[in-house]
Amino acid sequence: MKLIDLSVIIENTPSEPMKIKHKRISHKKGAKLIAWRAHLKREKNIFKKAAAFLKILIGKRKISAKDFPQSMFITQDKVTLSTHMGTHIDSPYHFGPLCEGKPAKTIDQLPLDLFYGDGICLDLRHIKPGKAITAKDIKEALAKINYQLKEKDIVLIWTGTAEKWGSKEYFTQACGMSEEATAYLVNNGVKLIGIDAYSFDLPFPIMLNRFMETKEENLLWPAHFYGRKKEYVHIERLKNLGALPSTGFKLCCFPIPIKGADASWSRVVAIVN
């Protein structure tokens, strides 16, 4: 059995317009802080808190940083970022408040069995940046590997965009799924689709420029908005799809269950026997 990591590292990079803020309380600072808090938290009365604080200042406290092994405590990190950074899964709620006429599900409301199943990797690297992947493209890719879709297959769209990770071109130069290609997969039993690009749709700048020229609203995030008509979810920002066979592997991509969130990060792993 071989495990293949399909997730990018969450980091600040030219490929990500959004940024992550990462703050850390160090081992040494943590020892000092916990010593302070240990004394102050015990006292509820404001005057007793003040007295405890004074004891800390003059060194008459029962616990200090030196009491910890090597004068160090444990670290604590605080990370602030969008649910749409790194390799992540978009829930139906991300696409709109309603799905199939019912309240759309948030990421924590989706069943676990949706995120584990037979993986199919379709090679669509010949589709040029700026072009939308059509239903015909999907059918041809399936015919090339002589595969017929079945219920709950997890389909991965290999565009080759992951090779641009780390550059600005990753965000601006890619192909993307069309509504008709998405509908074809969903109508054939697929509920989870992944892509190795920044967005499931065409890159934002390309879509917006075309919309400004034509004012046709169907040019804006058509694959995303299809999720208002039929329930499905997708994974964005995969990597290493070239290391996968076309079929014959399992995909494991459980999202972090954030209450009420529209998306969540996932460590996507392919299991190849």
C-alpha atoms as a PDB file:
ATOM      1  CA  MET A   1       0.000   0.000   0.000  1.00  0.00           C
ATOM      2  CA  LYS A   2       1.233   3.493  -0.869  1.00  0.00           C
ATOM      3  CA  LEU A   3      -0.068   6.806   0.478  1.00  0.00           C
ATOM      4  CA  ILE A   4       0.142   9.820  -1.835  1.00  0.00           C
ATOM      5  CA  ASP A   5      -0.299  13.298  -0.378  1.00  0.00           C
ATOM      6  CA  LEU A   6      -2.508  15.431  -2.635  1.00  0.00           C
ATOM      7  CA  SER A   7      -2.632  18.566  -0.459  1.00  0.00           C
ATOM      8  CA  VAL A   8      -0.636  21.770  -0.780  1.00  0.00           C
ATOM      9  CA  ILE A   9       0.897  23.323   2.326  1.00  0.00           C
ATOM     10  CA  ILE A  10      -1.076  26.237   3.743  1.00  0.00           C
ATOM     11  CA  GLU A  11       1.367  29.130   3.511  1.00  0.00           C
ATOM     12  CA  ASN A  12       1.781  32.690   2.317  1.00  0.00           C
ATOM     13  CA  THR A  13       2.716  32.414  -1.342  1.00  0.00           C
ATOM     14  CA  PRO A  14       2.220  34.430  -4.562  1.00  0.00           C
ATOM     15  CA  SER A  15      -0.257  31.699  -5.559  1.00  0.00           C
ATOM     16  CA  GLU A  16      -2.616  32.685  -2.717  1.00  0.00           C
ATOM     17  CA  PRO A  17      -4.103  36.218  -2.839  1.00  0.00           C
ATOM     18  CA  MET A  18      -5.409  35.695   0.702  1.00  0.00           C
ATOM     19  CA  LYS A  19      -2.915  35.614   3.541  1.00  0.00           C
ATOM     20  CA  ILE A  20      -2.441  33.543   6.666  1.00  0.00           C
ATOM     21  CA  LYS A  21      -1.486  35.117  10.002  1.00  0.00           C
ATOM     22  CA  HIS A  22       0.497  32.831  12.278  1.00  0.00           C
ATOM     23  CA  LYS A  23       1.385  33.954  15.807  1.00  0.00           C
ATOM     24  CA  ARG A  24       3.140  31.863  18.434  1.00  0.00           C
ATOM     25  CA  ILE A  25       3.652  31.983  22.178  1.00  0.00           C
ATOM     26  CA  SER A  26       7.132  30.495  22.518  1.00  0.00           C
ATOM     27  CA  HIS A  27       8.245  27.879  25.044  1.00  0.00           C
ATOM     28  CA  LYS A  28       9.994  30.472  27.230  1.00  0.00           C
ATOM     29  CA  LYS A  29       7.265  33.101  27.000  1.00  0.00           C
ATOM     30  CA  GLY A  30       4.667  30.418  27.699  1.00  0.00           C
ATOM     31  CA  ALA A  31       6.372  29.542  30.981  1.00  0.00           C
ATOM     32  CA  LYS A  32       6.174  33.171  32.117  1.00  0.00           C
ATOM     33  CA  LEU A  33       2.556  33.601  31.042  1.00  0.00           C
ATOM     34  CA  ILE A  34       1.297  30.417  32.678  1.00  0.00           C
ATOM     35  CA  ALA A  35       3.004  31.403  35.921  1.00  0.00           C
ATOM     36  CA  TRP A  36       1.196  34.755  35.869  1.00  0.00           C
ATOM     37  CA  ARG A  37      -2.152  33.228  34.990  1.00  0.00           C
ATOM     38  CA  ALA A  38      -1.860  30.490  37.607  1.00  0.00           C
ATOM     39  CA  HIS A  39      -1.846  33.145  40.336  1.00  0.00           C
ATOM     40  CA  LEU A  40      -4.298  35.624  38.882  1.00  0.00           C
ATOM     41  CA  LYS A  41      -6.943  33.090  37.837  1.00  0.00           C
ATOM     42  CA  ARG A  42      -7.247  31.707  41.373  1.00  0.00           C
ATOM     43  CA  GLU A  43      -8.500  35.028  42.692  1.00  0.00           C
ATOM     44  CA  LYS A  44     -11.974  36.216  41.708  1.00  0.00           C
ATOM     45  CA  ASN A  45     -12.073  39.292  43.899  1.00  0.00           C
ATOM     46  CA  ILE A  46     -10.567  42.307  42.146  1.00  0.00           C
ATOM     47  CA  PHE A  47      -8.617  43.352  45.260  1.00  0.00           C
ATOM     48  CA  LYS A  48      -7.210  39.877  45.743  1.00  0.00           C
ATOM     49  CA  LYS A  49      -6.251  39.844  42.075  1.00  0.00           C
ATOM     50  CA  ALA A  50      -4.393  43.100  42.599  1.00  0.00           C
ATOM     51  CA  ALA A  51      -2.622  41.634  45.627  1.00  0.00           C
ATOM     52  CA  ALA A  52      -1.688  38.531  43.653  1.00  0.00           C
ATOM     53  CA  PHE A  53      -0.382  40.719  40.851  1.00  0.00           C
ATOM     54  CA  LEU A  54       1.759  42.642  43.342  1.00  0.00           C
ATOM     55  CA  LYS A  55       3.212  39.392  44.678  1.00  0.00           C
ATOM     56  CA  ILE A  56       4.157  38.416  41.143  1.00  0.00           C
ATOM     57  CA  LEU A  57       5.927  41.732  40.635  1.00  0.00           C
ATOM     58  CA  ILE A  58       7.971  41.446  43.821  1.00  0.00           C
ATOM     59  CA  GLY A  59       8.773  37.791  43.218  1.00  0.00           C
ATOM     60  CA  LYS A  60       6.643  36.282  46.000  1.00  0.00           C
ATOM     61  CA  ARG A  61       4.745  33.837  43.828  1.00  0.00           C
ATOM     62  CA  LYS A  62       4.556  30.087  44.323  1.00  0.00           C
ATOM     63  CA  ILE A  63       5.220  29.190  40.702  1.00  0.00           C
ATOM     64  CA  SER A  64       7.634  30.776  38.264  1.00  0.00           C
ATOM     65  CA  ALA A  65       9.086  30.099  34.834  1.00  0.00           C
ATOM     66  CA  LYS A  66      12.108  28.479  36.494  1.00  0.00           C
ATOM     67  CA  ASP A  67       9.859  25.770  37.925  1.00  0.00           C
ATOM     68  CA  PHE A  68       9.315  24.274  34.453  1.00  0.00           C
ATOM     69  CA  PRO A  69      11.884  21.882  32.947  1.00  0.00           C
ATOM     70  CA  GLN A  70      14.570  24.030  31.285  1.00  0.00           C
ATOM     71  CA  SER A  71      12.405  27.069  32.198  1.00  0.00           C
ATOM     72  CA  MET A  72      10.169  26.285  29.232  1.00  0.00           C
ATOM     73  CA  PHE A  73       6.452  25.510  28.903  1.00  0.00           C
ATOM     74  CA  ILE A  74       4.559  24.288  25.820  1.00  0.00           C
ATOM     75  CA  THR A  75       3.920  26.468  22.777  1.00  0.00           C
ATOM     76  CA  GLN A  76       0.573  27.818  21.650  1.00  0.00           C
ATOM     77  CA  ASP A  77      -0.082  28.925  18.088  1.00  0.00           C
ATOM     78  CA  LYS A  78      -2.859  31.188  16.845  1.00  0.00           C
ATOM     79  CA  VAL A  79      -3.589  30.892  13.137  1.00  0.00           C
ATOM     80  CA  THR A  80      -5.975  33.218  11.291  1.00  0.00           C
ATOM     81  CA  LEU A  81      -6.918  32.339   7.726  1.00  0.00           C
ATOM     82  CA  SER A  82      -9.780  31.872   5.283  1.00  0.00           C
ATOM     83  CA  THR A  83     -11.502  28.503   5.002  1.00  0.00           C
ATOM     84  CA  HIS A  84     -10.636  28.803   1.300  1.00  0.00           C
ATOM     85  CA  MET A  85      -6.864  28.749   1.688  1.00  0.00           C
ATOM     86  CA  GLY A  86      -4.810  25.688   0.853  1.00  0.00           C
ATOM     87  CA  THR A  87      -6.388  22.416  -0.208  1.00  0.00           C
ATOM     88  CA  HIS A  88      -9.981  22.686   0.936  1.00  0.00           C
ATOM     89  CA  ILE A  89     -13.500  21.431   0.306  1.00  0.00           C
ATOM     90  CA  ASP A  90     -16.369  23.756  -0.599  1.00  0.00           C
ATOM     91  CA  SER A  91     -19.723  22.815   0.922  1.00  0.00           C
ATOM     92  CA  PRO A  92     -23.091  23.344  -0.818  1.00  0.00           C
ATOM     93  CA  TYR A  93     -23.662  26.415   1.375  1.00  0.00           C
ATOM     94  CA  HIS A  94     -20.686  28.094  -0.298  1.00  0.00           C
ATOM     95  CA  PHE A  95     -22.589  28.001  -3.592  1.00  0.00           C
ATOM     96  CA  GLY A  96     -25.780  29.536  -2.214  1.00  0.00           C
ATOM     97  CA  PRO A  97     -28.258  29.464   0.704  1.00  0.00           C
ATOM     98  CA  LEU A  98     -30.485  26.920  -1.050  1.00  0.00           C
ATOM     99  CA  CYS A  99     -29.644  23.677  -2.830  1.00  0.00           C
ATOM    100  CA  GLU A 100     -32.345  21.783  -4.708  1.00  0.00           C
ATOM    101  CA  GLY A 101     -34.869  24.088  -3.016  1.00  0.00           C
ATOM    102  CA  LYS A 102     -33.740  23.185   0.513  1.00  0.00           C
ATOM    103  CA  PRO A 103     -31.339  24.861   2.969  1.00  0.00           C
ATOM    104  CA  ALA A 104     -27.842  24.161   1.688  1.00  0.00           C
ATOM    105  CA  LYS A 105     -25.586  22.074   3.925  1.00  0.00           C
ATOM    106  CA  THR A 106     -22.569  23.547   5.651  1.00  0.00           C
ATOM    107  CA  ILE A 107     -19.323  21.586   5.864  1.00  0.00           C
ATOM    108  CA  ASP A 108     -20.149  20.021   9.249  1.00  0.00           C
ATOM    109  CA  GLN A 109     -23.502  18.734   7.982  1.00  0.00           C
ATOM    110  CA  LEU A 110     -22.079  16.572   5.203  1.00  0.00           C
ATOM    111  CA  PRO A 111     -21.869  12.778   5.753  1.00  0.00           C
ATOM    112  CA  LEU A 112     -18.434  11.241   6.301  1.00  0.00           C
ATOM    113  CA  ASP A 113     -18.932   8.537   3.669  1.00  0.00           C
ATOM    114  CA  LEU A 114     -18.953  11.274   1.032  1.00  0.00           C
ATOM    115  CA  PHE A 115     -15.245  11.834   1.629  1.00  0.00           C
ATOM    116  CA  TYR A 116     -13.940   8.307   1.172  1.00  0.00           C
ATOM    117  CA  GLY A 117     -14.322   6.207  -1.939  1.00  0.00           C
ATOM    118  CA  ASP A 118     -13.018   5.043  -5.284  1.00  0.00           C
ATOM    119  CA  GLY A 119     -10.900   7.675  -6.982  1.00  0.00           C
ATOM    120  CA  ILE A 120     -10.794   8.382 -10.717  1.00  0.00           C
ATOM    121  CA  CYS A 121      -8.115  10.667 -12.158  1.00  0.00           C
ATOM    122  CA  LEU A 122      -8.883  12.225 -15.540  1.00  0.00           C
ATOM    123  CA  ASP A 123      -6.018  13.679 -17.569  1.00  0.00           C
ATOM    124  CA  LEU A 124      -7.170  17.018 -18.995  1.00  0.00           C
ATOM    125  CA  ARG A 125      -3.785  18.695 -19.258  1.00  0.00           C
ATOM    126  CA  HIS A 126      -4.354  19.336 -22.960  1.00  0.00           C
ATOM    127  CA  ILE A 127      -7.057  21.902 -22.127  1.00  0.00           C
ATOM    128  CA  LYS A 128      -5.349  25.276 -22.438  1.00  0.00           C
ATOM    129  CA  PRO A 129      -5.474  28.001 -19.759  1.00  0.00           C
ATOM    130  CA  GLY A 130      -8.578  30.142 -20.163  1.00  0.00           C
ATOM    131  CA  LYS A 131     -10.603  27.304 -21.682  1.00  0.00           C
ATOM    132  CA  ALA A 132     -13.557  25.737 -19.895  1.00  0.00           C
ATOM    133  CA  ILE A 133     -13.632  21.948 -19.635  1.00  0.00           C
ATOM    134  CA  THR A 134     -16.738  20.650 -21.401  1.00  0.00           C
ATOM    135  CA  ALA A 135     -18.865  17.536 -20.968  1.00  0.00           C
ATOM    136  CA  LYS A 136     -17.336  16.281 -24.221  1.00  0.00           C
ATOM    137  CA  ASP A 137     -13.861  16.631 -22.711  1.00  0.00           C
ATOM    138  CA  ILE A 138     -14.940  14.568 -19.699  1.00  0.00           C
ATOM    139  CA  LYS A 139     -16.483  11.854 -21.874  1.00  0.00           C
ATOM    140  CA  GLU A 140     -13.346  11.621 -23.998  1.00  0.00           C
ATOM    141  CA  ALA A 141     -11.114  11.388 -20.922  1.00  0.00           C
ATOM    142  CA  LEU A 142     -13.279   8.570 -19.560  1.00  0.00           C
ATOM    143  CA  ALA A 143     -13.242   6.753 -22.905  1.00  0.00           C
ATOM    144  CA  LYS A 144      -9.451   7.024 -23.028  1.00  0.00           C
ATOM    145  CA  ILE A 145      -9.153   5.001 -19.816  1.00  0.00           C
ATOM    146  CA  ASN A 146     -12.130   2.786 -20.735  1.00  0.00           C
ATOM    147  CA  TYR A 147     -14.030   3.645 -17.583  1.00  0.00           C
ATOM    148  CA  GLN A 148     -17.746   4.005 -16.872  1.00  0.00           C
ATOM    149  CA  LEU A 149     -18.728   6.156 -13.924  1.00  0.00           C
ATOM    150  CA  LYS A 150     -20.599   4.648 -11.007  1.00  0.00           C
ATOM    151  CA  GLU A 151     -22.402   6.024  -7.960  1.00  0.00           C
ATOM    152  CA  LYS A 152     -20.157   7.837  -5.450  1.00  0.00           C
ATOM    153  CA  ASP A 153     -16.986   7.778  -7.549  1.00  0.00           C
ATOM    154  CA  ILE A 154     -14.670  10.636  -6.587  1.00  0.00           C
ATOM    155  CA  VAL A 155     -13.387  12.267  -9.770  1.00  0.00           C
ATOM    156  CA  LEU A 156     -10.141  14.248  -9.841  1.00  0.00           C
ATOM    157  CA  ILE A 157      -9.512  16.691 -12.686  1.00  0.00           C
ATOM    158  CA  TRP A 158      -5.802  16.776 -13.591  1.00  0.00           C
ATOM    159  CA  THR A 159      -5.105  20.072 -15.359  1.00  0.00           C
ATOM    160  CA  GLY A 160      -1.391  20.355 -14.608  1.00  0.00           C
ATOM    161  CA  THR A 161      -1.896  23.746 -12.948  1.00  0.00           C
ATOM    162  CA  ALA A 162      -0.326  22.463  -9.719  1.00  0.00           C
ATOM    163  CA  GLU A 163       3.080  22.750 -11.411  1.00  0.00           C
ATOM    164  CA  LYS A 164       2.658  26.547 -11.178  1.00  0.00           C
ATOM    165  CA  TRP A 165       2.219  26.473  -7.394  1.00  0.00           C
ATOM    166  CA  GLY A 166       4.351  29.171  -5.819  1.00  0.00           C
ATOM    167  CA  SER A 167       3.904  31.631  -8.699  1.00  0.00           C
ATOM    168  CA  LYS A 168       1.293  34.290  -9.508  1.00  0.00           C
ATOM    169  CA  GLU A 169       0.457  32.368 -12.686  1.00  0.00           C
ATOM    170  CA  TYR A 170      -1.137  29.659 -10.539  1.00  0.00           C
ATOM    171  CA  PHE A 171      -3.929  32.116  -9.737  1.00  0.00           C
ATOM    172  CA  THR A 172      -4.302  33.600 -13.230  1.00  0.00           C
ATOM    173  CA  GLN A 173      -3.444  30.894 -15.780  1.00  0.00           C
ATOM    174  CA  ALA A 174      -5.562  27.751 -15.669  1.00  0.00           C
ATOM    175  CA  CYS A 175      -8.476  26.019 -17.278  1.00  0.00           C
ATOM    176  CA  GLY A 176     -11.589  25.311 -15.227  1.00  0.00           C
ATOM    177  CA  MET A 177     -14.776  23.317 -15.113  1.00  0.00           C
ATOM    178  CA  SER A 178     -17.891  24.409 -16.987  1.00  0.00           C
ATOM    179  CA  GLU A 179     -21.432  23.976 -15.703  1.00  0.00           C
ATOM    180  CA  GLU A 180     -22.139  21.295 -18.297  1.00  0.00           C
ATOM    181  CA  ALA A 181     -19.048  19.260 -17.355  1.00  0.00           C
ATOM    182  CA  THR A 182     -19.981  19.473 -13.684  1.00  0.00           C
ATOM    183  CA  ALA A 183     -23.576  18.507 -14.444  1.00  0.00           C
ATOM    184  CA  TYR A 184     -22.447  15.514 -16.496  1.00  0.00           C
ATOM    185  CA  LEU A 185     -20.441  14.113 -13.584  1.00  0.00           C
ATOM    186  CA  VAL A 186     -23.111  14.822 -10.965  1.00  0.00           C
ATOM    187  CA  ASN A 187     -25.877  13.323 -13.107  1.00  0.00           C
ATOM    188  CA  ASN A 188     -23.779  10.168 -13.387  1.00  0.00           C
ATOM    189  CA  GLY A 189     -23.610   9.654  -9.642  1.00  0.00           C
ATOM    190  CA  VAL A 190     -20.507  11.681  -8.756  1.00  0.00           C
ATOM    191  CA  LYS A 191     -20.958  13.842  -5.648  1.00  0.00           C
ATOM    192  CA  LEU A 192     -17.355  14.887  -5.016  1.00  0.00           C
ATOM    193  CA  ILE A 193     -15.025  16.364  -7.652  1.00  0.00           C
ATOM    194  CA  GLY A 194     -11.498  17.664  -7.147  1.00  0.00           C
ATOM    195  CA  ILE A 195      -9.200  19.839  -9.247  1.00  0.00           C
ATOM    196  CA  ASP A 196      -5.495  20.747  -9.080  1.00  0.00           C
ATOM    197  CA  ALA A 197      -6.087  24.463  -9.626  1.00  0.00           C
ATOM    198  CA  TYR A 198      -6.822  27.530  -7.529  1.00  0.00           C
ATOM    199  CA  SER A 199     -10.498  27.492  -8.453  1.00  0.00           C
ATOM    200  CA  PHE A 200     -12.956  24.903  -9.701  1.00  0.00           C
ATOM    201  CA  ASP A 201     -14.135  27.458 -12.258  1.00  0.00           C
ATOM    202  CA  LEU A 202     -11.914  29.458 -14.578  1.00  0.00           C
ATOM    203  CA  PRO A 203      -9.467  31.880 -12.907  1.00  0.00           C
ATOM    204  CA  PHE A 204     -11.136  34.948 -11.396  1.00  0.00           C
ATOM    205  CA  PRO A 205      -9.447  37.519 -13.704  1.00  0.00           C
ATOM    206  CA  ILE A 206     -10.495  35.620 -16.834  1.00  0.00           C
ATOM    207  CA  MET A 207     -14.122  35.268 -15.741  1.00  0.00           C
ATOM    208  CA  LEU A 208     -14.408  38.872 -14.651  1.00  0.00           C
ATOM    209  CA  ASN A 209     -12.859  40.254 -17.840  1.00  0.00           C
ATOM    210  CA  ARG A 210     -15.238  38.234 -20.006  1.00  0.00           C
ATOM    211  CA  PHE A 211     -18.200  39.330 -17.930  1.00  0.00           C
ATOM    212  CA  MET A 212     -17.208  42.993 -18.237  1.00  0.00           C
ATOM    213  CA  GLU A 213     -17.106  42.594 -22.011  1.00  0.00           C
ATOM    214  CA  THR A 214     -20.458  40.810 -22.394  1.00  0.00           C
ATOM    215  CA  LYS A 215     -22.395  41.369 -19.127  1.00  0.00           C
ATOM    216  CA  GLU A 216     -23.520  37.726 -19.355  1.00  0.00           C
ATOM    217  CA  GLU A 217     -24.021  36.546 -15.784  1.00  0.00           C
ATOM    218  CA  ASN A 218     -23.683  32.883 -16.749  1.00  0.00           C
ATOM    219  CA  LEU A 219     -19.960  33.557 -17.210  1.00  0.00           C
ATOM    220  CA  LEU A 220     -19.515  34.094 -13.467  1.00  0.00           C
ATOM    221  CA  TRP A 221     -18.671  30.967 -11.451  1.00  0.00           C
ATOM    222  CA  PRO A 222     -21.004  28.689 -13.465  1.00  0.00           C
ATOM    223  CA  ALA A 223     -19.646  25.436 -11.994  1.00  0.00           C
ATOM    224  CA  HIS A 224     -19.956  26.762  -8.447  1.00  0.00           C
ATOM    225  CA  PHE A 225     -23.487  28.012  -9.010  1.00  0.00           C
ATOM    226  CA  TYR A 226     -24.535  24.653 -10.450  1.00  0.00           C
ATOM    227  CA  GLY A 227     -24.360  23.556  -6.812  1.00  0.00           C
ATOM    228  CA  ARG A 228     -27.594  25.476  -6.231  1.00  0.00           C
ATOM    229  CA  LYS A 229     -29.384  23.181  -8.675  1.00  0.00           C
ATOM    230  CA  LYS A 230     -27.857  19.841  -7.666  1.00  0.00           C
ATOM    231  CA  GLU A 231     -26.023  18.927  -4.479  1.00  0.00           C
ATOM    232  CA  TYR A 232     -22.349  18.195  -4.912  1.00  0.00           C
ATOM    233  CA  VAL A 233     -19.088  19.349  -3.331  1.00  0.00           C
ATOM    234  CA  HIS A 234     -15.656  19.994  -4.758  1.00  0.00           C
ATOM    235  CA  ILE A 235     -12.021  20.122  -3.707  1.00  0.00           C
ATOM    236  CA  GLU A 236      -9.734  22.925  -4.844  1.00  0.00           C
ATOM    237  CA  ARG A 237      -5.928  23.194  -4.901  1.00  0.00           C
ATOM    238  CA  LEU A 238      -4.894  19.556  -5.151  1.00  0.00           C
ATOM    239  CA  LYS A 239      -1.355  18.500  -6.085  1.00  0.00           C
ATOM    240  CA  ASN A 240       0.508  15.347  -7.211  1.00  0.00           C
ATOM    241  CA  LEU A 241      -2.290  14.098  -9.457  1.00  0.00           C
ATOM    242  CA  GLY A 242       0.386  12.965 -11.894  1.00  0.00           C
ATOM    243  CA  ALA A 243       1.505  10.387  -9.322  1.00  0.00           C
ATOM    244  CA  LEU A 244      -1.872   8.639  -9.451  1.00  0.00           C
ATOM    245  CA  PRO A 245      -3.088   5.815 -11.671  1.00  0.00           C
ATOM    246  CA  SER A 246      -6.242   6.596 -13.641  1.00  0.00           C
ATOM    247  CA  THR A 247      -8.286   4.161 -11.542  1.00  0.00           C
ATOM    248  CA  GLY A 248      -7.805   1.578  -8.824  1.00  0.00           C
ATOM    249  CA  PHE A 249      -7.131   3.803  -5.830  1.00  0.00           C
ATOM    250  CA  LYS A 250      -9.069   5.029  -2.818  1.00  0.00           C
ATOM    251  CA  LEU A 251      -9.372   8.674  -1.897  1.00  0.00           C
ATOM    252  CA  CYS A 252      -9.586   9.912   1.681  1.00  0.00           C
ATOM    253  CA  CYS A 253     -10.391  13.613   2.142  1.00  0.00           C
ATOM    254  CA  PHE A 254     -12.198  14.282   5.407  1.00  0.00           C
ATOM    255  CA  PRO A 255     -12.762  18.000   6.117  1.00  0.00           C
ATOM    256  CA  ILE A 256     -12.245  19.613   9.524  1.00  0.00           C
ATOM    257  CA  PRO A 257     -15.801  19.938  10.977  1.00  0.00           C
ATOM    258  CA  ILE A 258     -16.140  23.671  11.638  1.00  0.00           C
ATOM    259  CA  LYS A 259     -19.633  24.486  12.879  1.00  0.00           C
ATOM    260  CA  GLY A 260     -21.635  26.316  10.212  1.00  0.00           C
ATOM    261  CA  ALA A 261     -18.632  26.866   7.903  1.00  0.00           C
ATOM    262  CA  ASP A 262     -18.958  27.174   4.127  1.00  0.00           C
ATOM    263  CA  ALA A 263     -15.708  25.259   3.554  1.00  0.00           C
ATOM    264  CA  SER A 264     -12.889  23.557   5.394  1.00  0.00           C
ATOM    265  CA  TRP A 265      -9.325  22.395   4.950  1.00  0.00           C
ATOM    266  CA  SER A 266      -8.562  18.767   4.156  1.00  0.00           C
ATOM    267  CA  ARG A 267      -5.445  16.589   4.064  1.00  0.00           C
ATOM    268  CA  VAL A 268      -6.344  14.722   0.888  1.00  0.00           C
ATOM    269  CA  VAL A 269      -4.618  11.358   0.551  1.00  0.00           C
ATOM    270  CA  ALA A 270      -4.761   8.737  -2.186  1.00  0.00           C
ATOM    271  CA  ILE A 271      -4.378   5.110  -1.109  1.00  0.00           C
ATOM    272  CA  VAL A 272      -2.818   3.018  -3.857  1.00  0.00           C
ATOM    273  CA  ASN A 273      -2.421  -0.745  -3.469  1.00  0.00           C
END
